[in-house]
Amino acid sequence: MKSKINLRVFILLIAGSFSETWAQAVRPCFITGNVPLPASVTYDPSVQCDLAIKPFPDVPDVYMTVNQVTYRFSQRDISYQSSADIIPPVIFAVRSFGVMKATDKLEVYGKLYGAINAGVRSQGNKAATQLTKG
């Protein structure tokens, strides 16, 4: 009886170790390079990719659908630098995100930026990394 319990515990331990290794081996679609990411780079693995659009070399566009609205990095509506108006950053932020009503939208844009940042950094392209910093 004791050996059966030990065998079950052993199998559970092996299965647990395998699932942890498997989770580490499965990379999000936007991590296309092999350069290790710094610990400070965070991303949401639920962000999805559109492989047809590449805002940076070898890094696909990313998107999320929230409440039946799809937000994409490539729409560039989160980029202050691509804004047609020459306005102060605070005005851009209020126009883009509202005073306090669009925190969900801001959170989605943060996740999209994090995914693109991780994808670009995984490529090791220092010039492109500078572009993500603005």
N, C-alpha and C. Protein backbone atom coordinates (compact mmCIF):
# COMPACT_ATOMS: atom_id res chain seq x y z
N MET A 1 0.82 -1.19 0.00
CA MET A 1 0.00 0.00 0.00
C MET A 1 0.87 1.26 0.00
N LYS A 2 1.90 1.25 0.85
CA LYS A 2 2.77 2.41 0.95
C LYS A 2 3.51 2.65 -0.36
N SER A 3 3.90 1.58 -1.05
CA SER A 3 4.63 1.75 -2.32
C SER A 3 3.72 2.33 -3.40
N LYS A 4 2.41 2.01 -3.36
CA LYS A 4 1.47 2.57 -4.34
C LYS A 4 1.32 4.07 -4.11
N ILE A 5 1.27 4.48 -2.86
CA ILE A 5 1.16 5.91 -2.54
C ILE A 5 2.43 6.63 -2.97
N ASN A 6 3.58 6.02 -2.68
CA ASN A 6 4.84 6.63 -3.10
C ASN A 6 4.92 6.76 -4.62
N LEU A 7 4.43 5.75 -5.34
CA LEU A 7 4.43 5.80 -6.79
C LEU A 7 3.53 6.93 -7.29
N ARG A 8 2.36 7.08 -6.69
CA ARG A 8 1.44 8.16 -7.07
C ARG A 8 2.06 9.53 -6.80
N VAL A 9 2.69 9.67 -5.67
CA VAL A 9 3.34 10.94 -5.33
C VAL A 9 4.45 11.23 -6.33
N PHE A 10 5.23 10.20 -6.66
CA PHE A 10 6.31 10.36 -7.63
C PHE A 10 5.76 10.80 -8.99
N ILE A 11 4.69 10.16 -9.43
CA ILE A 11 4.08 10.50 -10.72
C ILE A 11 3.56 11.94 -10.70
N LEU A 12 2.93 12.34 -9.62
CA LEU A 12 2.44 13.71 -9.50
C LEU A 12 3.58 14.72 -9.52
N LEU A 13 4.67 14.39 -8.85
CA LEU A 13 5.82 15.29 -8.86
C LEU A 13 6.42 15.43 -10.26
N ILE A 14 6.54 14.32 -10.95
CA ILE A 14 7.07 14.35 -12.32
C ILE A 14 6.13 15.14 -13.23
N ALA A 15 4.83 14.90 -13.11
CA ALA A 15 3.86 15.63 -13.94
C ALA A 15 3.92 17.13 -13.65
N GLY A 16 4.05 17.49 -12.39
CA GLY A 16 4.16 18.90 -12.02
C GLY A 16 5.41 19.54 -12.59
N SER A 17 6.51 18.83 -12.53
CA SER A 17 7.77 19.35 -13.09
C SER A 17 7.66 19.51 -14.60
N PHE A 18 7.02 18.54 -15.25
CA PHE A 18 6.87 18.61 -16.70
C PHE A 18 6.00 19.79 -17.11
N SER A 19 4.90 20.01 -16.39
CA SER A 19 4.00 21.10 -16.76
C SER A 19 4.68 22.45 -16.59
N GLU A 20 5.53 22.59 -15.57
CA GLU A 20 6.27 23.84 -15.37
C GLU A 20 7.26 24.06 -16.51
N THR A 21 7.96 23.01 -16.90
CA THR A 21 8.91 23.11 -18.01
C THR A 21 8.17 23.41 -19.30
N TRP A 22 7.03 22.77 -19.52
CA TRP A 22 6.24 23.00 -20.73
C TRP A 22 5.76 24.45 -20.78
N ALA A 23 5.31 24.99 -19.66
CA ALA A 23 4.84 26.37 -19.62
C ALA A 23 5.96 27.34 -19.96
N GLN A 24 7.18 27.03 -19.53
CA GLN A 24 8.31 27.90 -19.84
C GLN A 24 8.71 27.78 -21.31
N ALA A 25 8.48 26.62 -21.91
CA ALA A 25 8.89 26.40 -23.29
C ALA A 25 7.92 27.04 -24.28
N VAL A 26 6.67 27.19 -23.92
CA VAL A 26 5.67 27.78 -24.81
C VAL A 26 5.77 29.30 -24.69
N ARG A 27 6.22 29.93 -25.76
CA ARG A 27 6.39 31.38 -25.74
C ARG A 27 5.21 32.05 -26.43
N PRO A 28 4.89 33.26 -26.00
CA PRO A 28 3.83 34.00 -26.68
C PRO A 28 4.22 34.27 -28.14
N CYS A 29 3.23 34.48 -28.98
CA CYS A 29 3.47 34.66 -30.42
C CYS A 29 4.32 35.88 -30.74
N PHE A 30 4.35 36.87 -29.87
CA PHE A 30 5.10 38.09 -30.16
C PHE A 30 6.56 38.01 -29.74
N ILE A 31 6.96 36.99 -29.00
CA ILE A 31 8.37 36.78 -28.64
C ILE A 31 8.98 35.96 -29.78
N THR A 32 9.56 36.65 -30.74
CA THR A 32 10.04 35.99 -31.95
C THR A 32 11.55 35.82 -31.99
N GLY A 33 12.26 36.44 -31.07
CA GLY A 33 13.71 36.32 -31.03
C GLY A 33 14.17 35.40 -29.93
N ASN A 34 15.48 35.28 -29.80
CA ASN A 34 16.06 34.38 -28.80
C ASN A 34 16.84 35.11 -27.71
N VAL A 35 16.83 36.44 -27.73
CA VAL A 35 17.56 37.21 -26.73
C VAL A 35 16.77 37.16 -25.42
N PRO A 36 17.41 36.77 -24.31
CA PRO A 36 16.70 36.73 -23.02
C PRO A 36 16.20 38.13 -22.63
N LEU A 37 15.01 38.17 -22.08
CA LEU A 37 14.42 39.44 -21.67
C LEU A 37 14.87 39.82 -20.27
N PRO A 38 15.12 41.11 -20.04
CA PRO A 38 15.43 41.55 -18.68
C PRO A 38 14.22 41.31 -17.77
N ALA A 39 14.46 41.15 -16.51
CA ALA A 39 13.37 40.90 -15.55
C ALA A 39 12.38 42.05 -15.51
N SER A 40 12.82 43.24 -15.89
CA SER A 40 11.94 44.41 -15.85
C SER A 40 10.91 44.43 -16.98
N VAL A 41 11.11 43.59 -18.01
CA VAL A 41 10.18 43.55 -19.14
C VAL A 41 9.03 42.61 -18.79
N THR A 42 7.84 43.17 -18.75
CA THR A 42 6.66 42.37 -18.43
C THR A 42 5.70 42.40 -19.61
N TYR A 43 4.91 41.34 -19.74
CA TYR A 43 3.92 41.27 -20.80
C TYR A 43 2.78 40.36 -20.37
N ASP A 44 1.66 40.52 -21.05
CA ASP A 44 0.49 39.69 -20.79
C ASP A 44 0.44 38.62 -21.88
N PRO A 45 0.57 37.34 -21.53
CA PRO A 45 0.60 36.29 -22.54
C PRO A 45 -0.73 36.11 -23.27
N SER A 46 -1.80 36.77 -22.80
CA SER A 46 -3.09 36.64 -23.48
C SER A 46 -3.20 37.56 -24.69
N VAL A 47 -2.22 38.44 -24.90
CA VAL A 47 -2.21 39.30 -26.08
C VAL A 47 -2.04 38.41 -27.31
N GLN A 48 -2.79 38.70 -28.37
CA GLN A 48 -2.76 37.90 -29.59
C GLN A 48 -1.98 38.61 -30.68
N CYS A 49 -1.61 37.86 -31.73
CA CYS A 49 -0.79 38.42 -32.80
C CYS A 49 -1.50 38.38 -34.15
N ASP A 50 -1.18 39.37 -34.97
CA ASP A 50 -1.58 39.41 -36.38
C ASP A 50 -0.28 39.34 -37.17
N LEU A 51 0.01 38.18 -37.71
CA LEU A 51 1.30 37.95 -38.38
C LEU A 51 1.40 38.68 -39.72
N ALA A 52 0.28 39.19 -40.24
CA ALA A 52 0.30 39.89 -41.53
C ALA A 52 0.87 41.30 -41.41
N ILE A 53 0.85 41.86 -40.22
CA ILE A 53 1.33 43.23 -40.00
C ILE A 53 2.53 43.17 -39.08
N LYS A 54 3.58 43.89 -39.43
CA LYS A 54 4.79 43.91 -38.60
C LYS A 54 5.20 45.36 -38.34
N PRO A 55 4.85 45.91 -37.17
CA PRO A 55 5.23 47.29 -36.87
C PRO A 55 6.74 47.45 -36.66
N PHE A 56 7.43 46.37 -36.32
CA PHE A 56 8.88 46.35 -36.18
C PHE A 56 9.39 45.11 -36.91
N PRO A 57 10.63 45.12 -37.41
CA PRO A 57 11.14 43.95 -38.12
C PRO A 57 11.02 42.66 -37.30
N ASP A 58 10.40 41.66 -37.91
CA ASP A 58 10.23 40.33 -37.32
C ASP A 58 9.36 40.30 -36.07
N VAL A 59 8.64 41.36 -35.78
CA VAL A 59 7.74 41.40 -34.62
C VAL A 59 6.33 41.66 -35.13
N PRO A 60 5.41 40.70 -34.93
CA PRO A 60 4.05 40.88 -35.44
C PRO A 60 3.26 41.93 -34.66
N ASP A 61 2.23 42.43 -35.31
CA ASP A 61 1.32 43.34 -34.62
C ASP A 61 0.60 42.57 -33.52
N VAL A 62 0.24 43.26 -32.47
CA VAL A 62 -0.47 42.62 -31.36
C VAL A 62 -1.82 43.30 -31.17
N TYR A 63 -2.77 42.52 -30.65
CA TYR A 63 -4.10 43.06 -30.42
C TYR A 63 -4.78 42.35 -29.26
N MET A 64 -5.79 43.00 -28.74
CA MET A 64 -6.65 42.42 -27.69
C MET A 64 -8.08 42.83 -28.00
N THR A 65 -9.01 41.95 -27.71
CA THR A 65 -10.43 42.28 -27.84
C THR A 65 -11.03 42.33 -26.45
N VAL A 66 -11.60 43.48 -26.12
CA VAL A 66 -12.21 43.69 -24.81
C VAL A 66 -13.61 44.26 -25.04
N ASN A 67 -14.60 43.63 -24.45
CA ASN A 67 -15.99 44.07 -24.61
C ASN A 67 -16.35 44.26 -26.09
N GLN A 68 -15.97 43.33 -26.91
CA GLN A 68 -16.25 43.28 -28.34
C GLN A 68 -15.60 44.42 -29.13
N VAL A 69 -14.60 45.07 -28.56
CA VAL A 69 -13.83 46.10 -29.26
C VAL A 69 -12.40 45.60 -29.36
N THR A 70 -11.84 45.63 -30.58
CA THR A 70 -10.48 45.17 -30.79
C THR A 70 -9.53 46.37 -30.81
N TYR A 71 -8.49 46.27 -30.00
CA TYR A 71 -7.46 47.29 -29.92
C TYR A 71 -6.18 46.71 -30.50
N ARG A 72 -5.49 47.47 -31.36
CA ARG A 72 -4.27 47.01 -32.01
C ARG A 72 -3.13 47.99 -31.75
N PHE A 73 -1.94 47.44 -31.64
CA PHE A 73 -0.77 48.32 -31.52
C PHE A 73 -0.60 49.13 -32.80
N SER A 74 -0.82 48.50 -33.96
CA SER A 74 -0.55 49.16 -35.24
C SER A 74 -1.50 50.31 -35.55
N GLN A 75 -2.55 50.47 -34.79
CA GLN A 75 -3.46 51.59 -35.03
C GLN A 75 -2.77 52.91 -34.72
N ARG A 76 -1.71 52.83 -33.97
CA ARG A 76 -0.90 54.00 -33.62
C ARG A 76 -1.66 55.06 -32.84
N ASP A 77 -2.84 54.73 -32.37
CA ASP A 77 -3.54 55.73 -31.58
C ASP A 77 -3.03 55.77 -30.15
N ILE A 78 -2.01 54.96 -29.84
CA ILE A 78 -1.42 55.05 -28.51
C ILE A 78 -0.06 55.73 -28.57
N SER A 79 0.30 56.21 -29.75
CA SER A 79 1.62 56.82 -29.91
C SER A 79 1.53 58.33 -29.90
N TYR A 80 2.08 58.92 -28.88
CA TYR A 80 2.11 60.38 -28.80
C TYR A 80 2.90 60.97 -29.96
N GLN A 81 4.00 60.31 -30.33
CA GLN A 81 4.86 60.84 -31.39
C GLN A 81 4.18 60.84 -32.75
N SER A 82 3.23 59.92 -32.99
CA SER A 82 2.57 59.88 -34.29
C SER A 82 1.32 60.75 -34.31
N SER A 83 1.01 61.39 -33.20
CA SER A 83 -0.14 62.27 -33.15
C SER A 83 0.08 63.44 -34.11
N ALA A 84 -0.95 63.74 -34.92
CA ALA A 84 -0.82 64.80 -35.93
C ALA A 84 -0.71 66.17 -35.28
N ASP A 85 -1.35 66.35 -34.15
CA ASP A 85 -1.31 67.65 -33.47
C ASP A 85 -0.01 67.80 -32.68
N ILE A 86 0.48 69.01 -32.64
CA ILE A 86 1.62 69.30 -31.76
C ILE A 86 1.02 69.84 -30.47
N ILE A 87 0.85 68.94 -29.53
CA ILE A 87 0.19 69.29 -28.27
C ILE A 87 1.02 68.77 -27.11
N PRO A 88 0.83 69.35 -25.94
CA PRO A 88 1.55 68.83 -24.77
C PRO A 88 1.10 67.40 -24.45
N PRO A 89 2.00 66.60 -23.88
CA PRO A 89 1.66 65.21 -23.54
C PRO A 89 0.42 65.07 -22.66
N VAL A 90 0.21 66.00 -21.74
CA VAL A 90 -0.96 65.90 -20.85
C VAL A 90 -2.25 66.03 -21.65
N ILE A 91 -2.28 66.95 -22.60
CA ILE A 91 -3.47 67.13 -23.44
C ILE A 91 -3.69 65.88 -24.28
N PHE A 92 -2.62 65.32 -24.83
CA PHE A 92 -2.74 64.08 -25.60
C PHE A 92 -3.34 62.97 -24.74
N ALA A 93 -2.86 62.83 -23.52
CA ALA A 93 -3.35 61.78 -22.62
C ALA A 93 -4.82 61.98 -22.30
N VAL A 94 -5.23 63.21 -22.01
CA VAL A 94 -6.64 63.46 -21.68
C VAL A 94 -7.52 63.19 -22.89
N ARG A 95 -7.09 63.62 -24.07
CA ARG A 95 -7.86 63.35 -25.29
C ARG A 95 -7.95 61.86 -25.58
N SER A 96 -6.86 61.14 -25.36
CA SER A 96 -6.82 59.72 -25.70
C SER A 96 -7.51 58.84 -24.68
N PHE A 97 -7.38 59.18 -23.41
CA PHE A 97 -7.84 58.28 -22.37
C PHE A 97 -8.91 58.86 -21.47
N GLY A 98 -9.24 60.12 -21.61
CA GLY A 98 -10.23 60.73 -20.73
C GLY A 98 -9.61 61.05 -19.39
N VAL A 99 -10.39 61.67 -18.54
CA VAL A 99 -9.87 62.07 -17.24
C VAL A 99 -9.73 60.85 -16.33
N MET A 100 -10.75 60.07 -16.15
CA MET A 100 -10.67 58.86 -15.34
C MET A 100 -11.58 57.77 -15.89
N LYS A 101 -12.26 58.02 -16.99
CA LYS A 101 -13.26 57.08 -17.47
C LYS A 101 -12.69 55.95 -18.32
N ALA A 102 -11.47 56.08 -18.79
CA ALA A 102 -10.94 55.09 -19.72
C ALA A 102 -9.78 54.30 -19.14
N THR A 103 -9.84 53.99 -17.86
CA THR A 103 -8.73 53.24 -17.27
C THR A 103 -8.61 51.85 -17.88
N ASP A 104 -9.75 51.24 -18.27
CA ASP A 104 -9.68 49.92 -18.92
C ASP A 104 -8.94 50.02 -20.25
N LYS A 105 -9.23 51.07 -21.00
CA LYS A 105 -8.56 51.28 -22.29
C LYS A 105 -7.07 51.50 -22.08
N LEU A 106 -6.73 52.27 -21.09
CA LEU A 106 -5.33 52.53 -20.78
C LEU A 106 -4.62 51.23 -20.39
N GLU A 107 -5.31 50.38 -19.65
CA GLU A 107 -4.73 49.09 -19.25
C GLU A 107 -4.48 48.20 -20.47
N VAL A 108 -5.43 48.18 -21.41
CA VAL A 108 -5.25 47.40 -22.64
C VAL A 108 -4.06 47.92 -23.43
N TYR A 109 -3.95 49.25 -23.57
CA TYR A 109 -2.83 49.82 -24.30
C TYR A 109 -1.51 49.50 -23.61
N GLY A 110 -1.51 49.47 -22.29
CA GLY A 110 -0.30 49.09 -21.56
C GLY A 110 0.10 47.66 -21.86
N LYS A 111 -0.87 46.77 -21.97
CA LYS A 111 -0.58 45.37 -22.29
C LYS A 111 -0.05 45.24 -23.72
N LEU A 112 -0.63 46.00 -24.65
CA LEU A 112 -0.16 45.96 -26.04
C LEU A 112 1.27 46.48 -26.13
N TYR A 113 1.54 47.58 -25.45
CA TYR A 113 2.90 48.13 -25.44
C TYR A 113 3.88 47.12 -24.83
N GLY A 114 3.48 46.49 -23.72
CA GLY A 114 4.35 45.51 -23.07
C GLY A 114 4.69 44.35 -23.99
N ALA A 115 3.70 43.89 -24.77
CA ALA A 115 3.93 42.78 -25.70
C ALA A 115 4.89 43.19 -26.81
N ILE A 116 4.68 44.38 -27.39
CA ILE A 116 5.57 44.85 -28.45
C ILE A 116 6.98 45.07 -27.90
N ASN A 117 7.07 45.64 -26.72
CA ASN A 117 8.37 45.87 -26.10
C ASN A 117 9.11 44.55 -25.90
N ALA A 118 8.41 43.54 -25.40
CA ALA A 118 9.03 42.22 -25.20
C ALA A 118 9.46 41.61 -26.53
N GLY A 119 8.60 41.74 -27.55
CA GLY A 119 8.93 41.19 -28.86
C GLY A 119 10.15 41.84 -29.47
N VAL A 120 10.22 43.16 -29.40
CA VAL A 120 11.36 43.89 -29.96
C VAL A 120 12.63 43.54 -29.18
N ARG A 121 12.54 43.51 -27.87
CA ARG A 121 13.73 43.19 -27.06
C ARG A 121 14.20 41.76 -27.29
N SER A 122 13.27 40.84 -27.58
CA SER A 122 13.67 39.45 -27.84
C SER A 122 14.47 39.33 -29.13
N GLN A 123 14.37 40.33 -30.00
CA GLN A 123 15.14 40.35 -31.25
C GLN A 123 16.56 40.85 -31.04
N GLY A 124 16.77 41.63 -29.98
CA GLY A 124 18.10 42.17 -29.72
C GLY A 124 18.45 43.38 -30.56
N ASN A 125 17.47 43.96 -31.24
CA ASN A 125 17.70 45.12 -32.09
C ASN A 125 17.67 46.38 -31.23
N LYS A 126 18.84 46.90 -30.91
CA LYS A 126 18.93 48.05 -29.99
C LYS A 126 18.28 49.30 -30.57
N ALA A 127 18.38 49.51 -31.88
CA ALA A 127 17.77 50.70 -32.49
C ALA A 127 16.25 50.63 -32.37
N ALA A 128 15.67 49.46 -32.63
CA ALA A 128 14.22 49.31 -32.51
C ALA A 128 13.79 49.43 -31.06
N THR A 129 14.60 48.95 -30.14
CA THR A 129 14.27 49.07 -28.72
C THR A 129 14.18 50.53 -28.32
N GLN A 130 15.04 51.36 -28.87
CA GLN A 130 14.99 52.80 -28.57
C GLN A 130 13.68 53.40 -29.08
N LEU A 131 13.15 52.89 -30.19
CA LEU A 131 11.88 53.41 -30.72
C LEU A 131 10.72 53.11 -29.78
N THR A 132 10.76 51.96 -29.10
CA THR A 132 9.67 51.64 -28.18
C THR A 132 9.70 52.51 -26.95
N LYS A 133 10.83 53.09 -26.66
CA LYS A 133 10.94 53.97 -25.49
C LYS A 133 10.44 55.37 -25.78
N GLY A 134 10.31 55.72 -27.06
CA GLY A 134 9.79 57.04 -27.43
C GLY A 134 10.81 58.04 -27.48
